[in-house]
Structure formats: C-alpha cells, structure tokens
Amino acid sequence: MRLVLLGPPGAGKGTQAARLVKKLGAPQLSTGDMLRAAVAEKTPLGLKAKEIMDAGALVPDEVVIGLIDERLDSPDCVRGFILDGFPRTVAQAEALQRLLDRRGLALDAVLELAVDEGALVDRMRKRVNETIAAGGAVRADDNPESFKTRLEAYRAQTAPVSAHYAGRSQLTKVDGMAPIDEVTAAIDIALGAAVGRC
C-alpha cells in the first residue's frame, strides 16, 4: 500500500501513521527523519543537505525527492510506504508523481484528516498541559502563537495539495475530529475502497 497522509499540524497524522505501520507492514517515511539520517550517515545527498541547512536555507525539493527515491530502494518499502508530511506543496506532489511514474508505481490512496483549526489550538493546549503534568518536555513550537503560524503556513502551502489530489480523484477526506479509534476505522474503510479500485 502506497499512501500519502495529509492534514494540518496536530490533526493526528502521526498517531494514525503509527497504527498504519503496524497494520500494513509498510514504513512511515518522514522527510525530516530521512534528512537527519542522511546527514548523520554523510551520504552525498546528506552532505549537500547539511551544507544547505547550515547556511540557514530550506532544503530544495530535488534533494528531498532524491532522499525519497533512495529510501524507496530499501527492502522494507517492498510492501509500500506511508508518506507523512510530504508532499507539502503542489510542486512536491508533481515531483513525487514523476518519481513514482519512473518506477512504474502509483499511489494507492491520499487521505486527508479534515479538522477544525480552532479546535486544533485547543487540542494543542491540552497536549502541552498533559505533557507538563507528566513531567515531559514540551516542543518549542507548541505554543498558541507558533502553532497559529504553522497553521497559516499549512493553509498557504499545503492545503492546495489537497485540491491537487482531489482534482485527480485521488483524495479521500476523513473526519480527523472524531475519536482516535473512529478515525482509524474510517481510514480502514477508505483504504478498503482504495484497494477495491486498484
């Protein structure tokens, strides 16, 4: 199963991706994790990415796509993959499509966790309070101001990706505000329908 998970920060993509990894036996591909691993391993792409990041710039799409291309050669990707947090832009979605076309592959499903942004801010505050109460460390960007900035960036850059996939009849929206188990059940139904279309 080759799957893209879309949704704003705090929508529950990480929670659902972890469940999908267990269910599908396919890895969750996080571009951030791949970048850090490539830098640590000093691969040619990792060295290029480090140079760019050290200069304070964003890693360009071609480097990120190159990392995904390399990662898809790993044995654990034979059964598919779950992309979480990528593509972030329509240009990245188009680059991903070219990469898959070149490999003779296609996405099985693109799922978007649809959420109420106002409720997400409340959800973030609750998560921060629970983390503090448990004695855990709170992410630096887990505060209302930073979170609103992240939501604005998502709306500007990533929300058009939903329209891109909807225009290709590949997008399925799932109510991300439902309880976690209900979201999981809705995703299972959506994936069953996707398999039926293949």
Protein backbone atom coordinates (compact mmCIF):
# COMPACT_ATOMS: atom_id res chain seq x y z
CA MET A 1 0.00 0.00 0.00
CA ARG A 2 1.47 3.34 -1.09
CA LEU A 3 -0.19 6.09 0.90
CA VAL A 4 0.02 9.84 1.49
CA LEU A 5 -1.38 11.28 4.74
CA LEU A 6 -2.35 14.95 4.63
CA GLY A 7 -3.63 17.25 7.35
CA PRO A 8 -2.55 20.30 9.34
CA PRO A 9 -0.26 20.15 12.37
CA GLY A 10 -2.00 18.48 15.29
CA ALA A 11 -4.52 16.64 13.11
CA GLY A 12 -3.33 13.25 14.32
CA LYS A 13 -1.29 12.13 11.30
CA GLY A 14 1.49 10.73 13.49
CA THR A 15 -0.93 8.72 15.62
CA GLN A 16 -2.70 7.25 12.60
CA ALA A 17 0.56 6.64 10.70
CA ALA A 18 1.89 4.59 13.63
CA ARG A 19 -1.24 2.42 13.54
CA LEU A 20 -0.97 2.02 9.77
CA VAL A 21 2.67 0.91 10.05
CA LYS A 22 1.59 -1.97 12.30
CA LYS A 23 -1.40 -2.86 10.16
CA LEU A 24 0.19 -2.62 6.71
CA GLY A 25 3.75 -3.68 7.49
CA ALA A 26 4.94 -0.67 5.48
CA PRO A 27 7.25 2.02 6.86
CA GLN A 28 6.28 5.59 7.69
CA LEU A 29 8.51 7.86 5.63
CA SER A 30 9.25 11.15 7.34
CA THR A 31 11.34 13.51 5.24
CA GLY A 32 12.70 15.11 8.42
CA ASP A 33 13.91 11.73 9.71
CA MET A 34 15.37 10.89 6.28
CA LEU A 35 17.24 14.21 6.17
CA ARG A 36 18.70 13.69 9.65
CA ALA A 37 19.72 10.12 8.81
CA ALA A 38 21.36 11.14 5.52
CA VAL A 39 23.30 13.92 7.29
CA ALA A 40 24.41 11.54 10.07
CA GLU A 41 25.47 8.89 7.53
CA LYS A 42 27.27 11.54 5.43
CA THR A 43 25.70 10.31 2.19
CA PRO A 44 26.24 12.55 -0.86
CA LEU A 45 22.68 13.90 -0.53
CA GLY A 46 23.12 14.21 3.23
CA LEU A 47 26.29 16.29 2.81
CA LYS A 48 24.52 18.51 0.30
CA ALA A 49 21.54 18.91 2.64
CA LYS A 50 23.81 19.72 5.61
CA GLU A 51 25.57 22.44 3.64
CA ILE A 52 22.20 23.99 2.73
CA MET A 53 20.79 23.70 6.28
CA ASP A 54 23.99 25.08 7.82
CA ALA A 55 23.54 28.14 5.61
CA GLY A 56 20.06 28.57 7.12
CA ALA A 57 18.23 27.76 3.89
CA LEU A 58 15.42 25.31 3.22
CA VAL A 59 16.43 22.04 1.61
CA PRO A 60 15.25 22.21 -2.03
CA ASP A 61 12.67 19.82 -3.43
CA GLU A 62 15.15 17.96 -5.63
CA VAL A 63 17.21 16.95 -2.58
CA VAL A 64 14.14 15.80 -0.65
CA ILE A 65 12.82 13.87 -3.67
CA GLY A 66 16.28 12.34 -4.09
CA LEU A 67 16.16 11.12 -0.48
CA ILE A 68 12.71 9.59 -1.03
CA ASP A 69 13.93 7.98 -4.25
CA GLU A 70 16.86 6.39 -2.40
CA ARG A 71 14.66 5.36 0.53
CA LEU A 72 12.24 3.51 -1.76
CA ASP A 73 15.11 1.14 -2.64
CA SER A 74 15.12 -0.14 0.96
CA PRO A 75 13.79 -3.69 1.44
CA ASP A 76 11.13 -2.52 3.93
CA CYS A 77 9.47 -0.44 1.18
CA VAL A 78 8.67 -3.50 -0.94
CA ARG A 79 5.21 -3.67 0.68
CA GLY A 80 4.67 0.08 0.22
CA PHE A 81 5.10 3.19 2.34
CA ILE A 82 3.23 5.84 4.30
CA LEU A 83 4.28 9.41 3.49
CA ASP A 84 3.51 11.70 6.42
CA GLY A 85 4.22 15.41 5.97
CA PHE A 86 5.15 15.09 2.31
CA PRO A 87 4.30 16.40 -0.22
CA ARG A 88 3.96 19.87 1.33
CA THR A 89 3.47 21.73 -1.95
CA VAL A 90 1.89 21.05 -5.34
CA ALA A 91 5.38 21.15 -6.89
CA GLN A 92 6.45 18.37 -4.49
CA ALA A 93 3.30 16.37 -5.34
CA GLU A 94 4.14 16.64 -9.04
CA ALA A 95 7.78 15.65 -8.38
CA LEU A 96 6.58 12.65 -6.35
CA GLN A 97 4.34 11.61 -9.24
CA ARG A 98 7.27 11.76 -11.68
CA LEU A 99 9.39 9.67 -9.29
CA LEU A 100 6.65 7.04 -8.98
CA ASP A 101 5.97 7.06 -12.74
CA ARG A 102 9.67 6.42 -13.38
CA ARG A 103 9.49 3.41 -11.05
CA GLY A 104 6.25 2.14 -12.57
CA LEU A 105 4.41 2.75 -9.27
CA ALA A 106 1.27 4.65 -8.28
CA LEU A 107 -0.23 5.91 -5.04
CA ASP A 108 -2.99 3.67 -3.71
CA ALA A 109 -4.57 6.39 -1.59
CA VAL A 110 -4.26 10.00 -0.47
CA LEU A 111 -6.02 10.57 2.86
CA GLU A 112 -6.63 13.95 4.43
CA LEU A 113 -7.51 14.27 8.09
CA ALA A 114 -10.04 17.11 7.97
CA VAL A 115 -10.13 19.13 11.19
CA ASP A 116 -11.48 22.33 12.72
CA GLU A 117 -8.48 24.64 13.11
CA GLY A 118 -9.91 26.42 16.17
CA ALA A 119 -10.32 23.07 17.90
CA LEU A 120 -6.73 22.19 16.95
CA VAL A 121 -5.40 25.10 19.01
CA ASP A 122 -7.41 23.83 22.00
CA ARG A 123 -6.10 20.29 21.33
CA MET A 124 -2.51 21.63 21.27
CA ARG A 125 -3.01 23.46 24.61
CA LYS A 126 -4.41 20.27 26.16
CA ARG A 127 -1.45 18.23 24.84
CA VAL A 128 1.01 20.76 26.31
CA ASN A 129 -0.74 20.68 29.69
CA GLU A 130 -0.76 16.85 29.70
CA THR A 131 2.93 16.74 28.74
CA ILE A 132 3.86 19.17 31.51
CA ALA A 133 1.72 17.28 34.06
CA ALA A 134 3.51 14.06 33.09
CA GLY A 135 6.90 15.74 33.53
CA GLY A 136 7.70 15.60 29.82
CA ALA A 137 9.44 18.14 27.60
CA VAL A 138 7.24 20.43 25.53
CA ARG A 139 8.17 21.14 21.91
CA ALA A 140 9.46 24.67 21.38
CA ASP A 141 6.78 25.30 18.75
CA ASP A 142 3.93 24.00 20.95
CA ASN A 143 2.53 27.36 21.94
CA PRO A 144 -0.51 29.20 20.53
CA GLU A 145 1.47 31.79 18.56
CA SER A 146 3.85 29.30 16.90
CA PHE A 147 1.02 26.87 16.30
CA LYS A 148 -1.08 29.52 14.54
CA THR A 149 1.95 30.36 12.37
CA ARG A 150 2.33 26.67 11.47
CA LEU A 151 -1.38 26.51 10.58
CA GLU A 152 -1.07 29.60 8.37
CA ALA A 153 1.92 28.04 6.57
CA TYR A 154 -0.08 24.85 6.09
CA ARG A 155 -3.04 26.79 4.65
CA ALA A 156 -0.82 28.72 2.26
CA GLN A 157 1.47 25.91 1.07
CA THR A 158 -0.03 22.52 1.80
CA ALA A 159 -3.80 22.98 1.58
CA PRO A 160 -3.50 23.39 -2.24
CA VAL A 161 -2.04 19.85 -2.31
CA SER A 162 -5.49 18.59 -1.24
CA ALA A 163 -7.07 20.36 -4.20
CA HIS A 164 -4.38 18.89 -6.47
CA TYR A 165 -5.19 15.32 -5.43
CA ALA A 166 -8.95 16.00 -5.38
CA GLY A 167 -8.67 17.17 -8.99
CA ARG A 168 -7.08 13.82 -9.83
CA SER A 169 -9.87 11.94 -7.97
CA GLN A 170 -7.28 10.55 -5.54
CA LEU A 171 -8.26 12.36 -2.32
CA THR A 172 -10.37 10.88 0.46
CA LYS A 173 -11.21 13.09 3.44
CA VAL A 174 -11.59 11.56 6.89
CA ASP A 175 -13.06 13.38 9.91
CA GLY A 176 -9.95 13.97 12.00
CA MET A 177 -12.01 15.46 14.84
CA ALA A 178 -13.62 12.11 15.65
CA PRO A 179 -12.22 9.97 18.49
CA ILE A 180 -8.94 8.27 17.54
CA ASP A 181 -10.43 4.80 17.12
CA GLU A 182 -13.21 6.17 14.91
CA VAL A 183 -10.63 7.93 12.73
CA THR A 184 -8.74 4.63 12.42
CA ALA A 185 -11.95 2.83 11.43
CA ALA A 186 -12.75 5.48 8.81
CA ILE A 187 -9.21 5.16 7.40
CA ASP A 188 -9.65 1.38 7.20
CA ILE A 189 -12.86 1.86 5.19
CA ALA A 190 -11.15 4.38 2.89
CA LEU A 191 -8.21 2.03 2.30
CA GLY A 192 -10.56 -0.87 1.61
CA ALA A 193 -12.29 1.25 -1.04
CA ALA A 194 -8.88 2.21 -2.50
CA VAL A 195 -7.86 -1.43 -2.76
CA GLY A 196 -11.16 -2.16 -4.50
CA ARG A 197 -10.39 0.50 -7.11
CA CYS A 198 -6.93 -0.95 -7.88
